[in-house]
Amino acid sequence: QVQLVESGGGLVQPGGSLRLSCVASGSIESISKMGWYRQGPGNQRDLVASITTRDSTTSYAEPVKGRFTISRDKARNMVYLEMNDLKFEDTAVYYCHALSRTTVFFNYWGQGTQVTVSS
């Protein structure tokens, strides 16, 4: 089992910045990839960014490229999402995600943290 707890959301003006944090616990040795998803009102949950456990290879959704940065602290079992130049359309609940494998692959999710971009 893997447990994920994210934090760092809040209210920010357009053009501002936020840093989200996620702490993983439990069977962390089984995690192969971690990432961030978001879901706005009336929208589906979409991948924002991901990072692999093995070599820290990153990937980003097109709308956030150049503005968001995902990073990992292996010693503390944490993953971060630095969000810069925030826009109205970035408003969503952001969820930490982990992909792990014991005998099969399994997805774990945090509880979500609200990010609201408003003037």
Protein backbone atom coordinates (compact mmCIF):
# COMPACT_ATOMS: atom_id res chain seq x y z
CA GLN A 1 0.00 0.00 0.00
CA VAL A 2 1.06 3.55 -0.76
CA GLN A 3 -0.31 6.66 0.91
CA LEU A 4 -0.04 10.11 -0.66
CA VAL A 5 -0.65 13.45 1.04
CA GLU A 6 -0.44 16.68 -0.95
CA SER A 7 -0.47 20.28 0.21
CA GLY A 8 0.36 23.80 -0.91
CA GLY A 9 -2.77 24.86 -2.76
CA GLY A 10 -4.40 28.22 -2.28
CA LEU A 11 -5.63 31.44 -3.86
CA VAL A 12 -3.27 33.29 -6.18
CA GLN A 13 -3.54 36.16 -8.66
CA PRO A 14 -2.90 35.65 -12.38
CA GLY A 15 0.82 35.63 -13.03
CA GLY A 16 1.57 34.44 -9.52
CA SER A 17 3.23 31.26 -8.29
CA LEU A 18 2.52 28.31 -6.02
CA ARG A 19 4.51 25.26 -4.96
CA LEU A 20 2.67 21.99 -4.32
CA SER A 21 4.18 19.20 -2.24
CA CYS A 22 3.36 15.50 -1.98
CA VAL A 23 4.68 13.01 0.60
CA ALA A 24 4.61 9.28 -0.15
CA SER A 25 4.61 6.59 2.53
CA GLY A 26 4.10 2.85 2.73
CA SER A 27 5.52 0.57 0.03
CA ILE A 28 7.49 3.35 -1.63
CA GLU A 29 9.97 0.88 -3.13
CA SER A 30 7.21 -0.26 -5.47
CA ILE A 31 6.69 3.18 -7.03
CA SER A 32 7.92 3.53 -10.60
CA LYS A 33 6.46 6.94 -11.48
CA MET A 34 4.89 9.88 -9.68
CA GLY A 35 3.00 12.83 -11.04
CA TRP A 36 0.36 15.48 -10.74
CA TYR A 37 -3.13 15.50 -12.23
CA ARG A 38 -5.77 18.20 -12.10
CA GLN A 39 -9.52 18.39 -12.44
CA GLY A 40 -11.45 21.62 -12.92
CA PRO A 41 -15.23 22.04 -12.50
CA GLY A 42 -17.03 20.03 -15.15
CA ASN A 43 -13.77 18.64 -16.57
CA GLN A 44 -12.06 15.27 -16.52
CA ARG A 45 -8.94 14.55 -14.51
CA ASP A 46 -5.92 15.24 -16.73
CA LEU A 47 -2.21 14.61 -16.35
CA VAL A 48 -0.18 17.75 -15.67
CA ALA A 49 3.34 16.40 -15.15
CA SER A 50 5.14 13.19 -14.24
CA ILE A 51 8.57 12.06 -13.14
CA THR A 52 10.09 8.57 -13.12
CA THR A 53 11.63 7.03 -10.01
CA ARG A 54 14.56 5.42 -11.83
CA ASP A 55 16.16 8.37 -13.61
CA SER A 56 13.89 11.39 -12.92
CA THR A 57 12.74 11.65 -16.52
CA THR A 58 10.00 14.29 -16.70
CA SER A 59 7.07 14.96 -18.99
CA TYR A 60 4.54 17.80 -19.13
CA ALA A 61 1.15 18.52 -20.60
CA GLU A 62 1.35 21.10 -23.38
CA PRO A 63 -0.62 23.87 -21.56
CA VAL A 64 1.89 23.97 -18.68
CA LYS A 65 5.18 23.56 -20.55
CA GLY A 66 7.60 26.32 -19.66
CA ARG A 67 5.53 27.37 -16.63
CA PHE A 68 5.41 24.31 -14.34
CA THR A 69 8.31 22.21 -13.05
CA ILE A 70 8.05 18.81 -11.38
CA SER A 71 10.87 17.60 -9.13
CA ARG A 72 11.59 14.83 -6.66
CA ASP A 73 13.40 14.51 -3.31
CA LYS A 74 14.32 10.84 -3.04
CA ALA A 75 15.59 11.04 0.54
CA ARG A 76 12.28 12.44 1.81
CA ASN A 77 10.00 10.48 -0.55
CA MET A 78 8.53 13.72 -1.83
CA VAL A 79 7.53 15.18 -5.17
CA TYR A 80 6.92 18.86 -5.91
CA LEU A 81 5.15 20.91 -8.52
CA GLU A 82 6.38 24.47 -8.93
CA MET A 83 3.76 26.50 -10.78
CA ASN A 84 4.70 29.87 -12.25
CA ASP A 85 2.83 32.43 -14.34
CA LEU A 86 -0.50 30.97 -13.25
CA LYS A 87 -3.54 31.55 -15.45
CA PHE A 88 -7.29 31.42 -14.84
CA GLU A 89 -7.50 28.07 -16.63
CA ASP A 90 -5.08 26.54 -14.11
CA THR A 91 -7.83 26.65 -11.48
CA ALA A 92 -8.49 23.05 -10.42
CA VAL A 93 -8.07 20.46 -7.72
CA TYR A 94 -4.56 19.07 -8.05
CA TYR A 95 -3.98 15.42 -7.18
CA CYS A 96 -0.72 13.65 -6.42
CA HIS A 97 -0.41 10.30 -8.19
CA ALA A 98 1.85 7.26 -7.88
CA LEU A 99 2.14 4.26 -10.17
CA SER A 100 3.34 1.15 -8.35
CA ARG A 101 3.68 -2.56 -8.98
CA THR A 102 3.67 -5.66 -6.79
CA THR A 103 2.18 -8.39 -8.99
CA VAL A 104 0.22 -5.92 -11.12
CA PHE A 105 0.41 -2.18 -11.71
CA PHE A 106 -1.75 -0.08 -9.40
CA ASN A 107 -2.59 3.61 -9.18
CA TYR A 108 -2.59 5.56 -5.92
CA TRP A 109 -4.06 9.01 -5.39
CA GLY A 110 -3.81 11.75 -2.83
CA GLN A 111 -6.85 13.61 -1.52
CA GLY A 112 -6.30 16.67 -3.69
CA THR A 113 -5.45 20.30 -3.00
CA GLN A 114 -7.40 23.24 -4.42
CA VAL A 115 -5.64 25.82 -6.59
CA THR A 116 -7.67 28.90 -7.45
CA VAL A 117 -6.38 31.60 -9.80
CA SER A 118 -8.45 34.76 -9.55
CA SER A 119 -8.00 38.51 -9.90
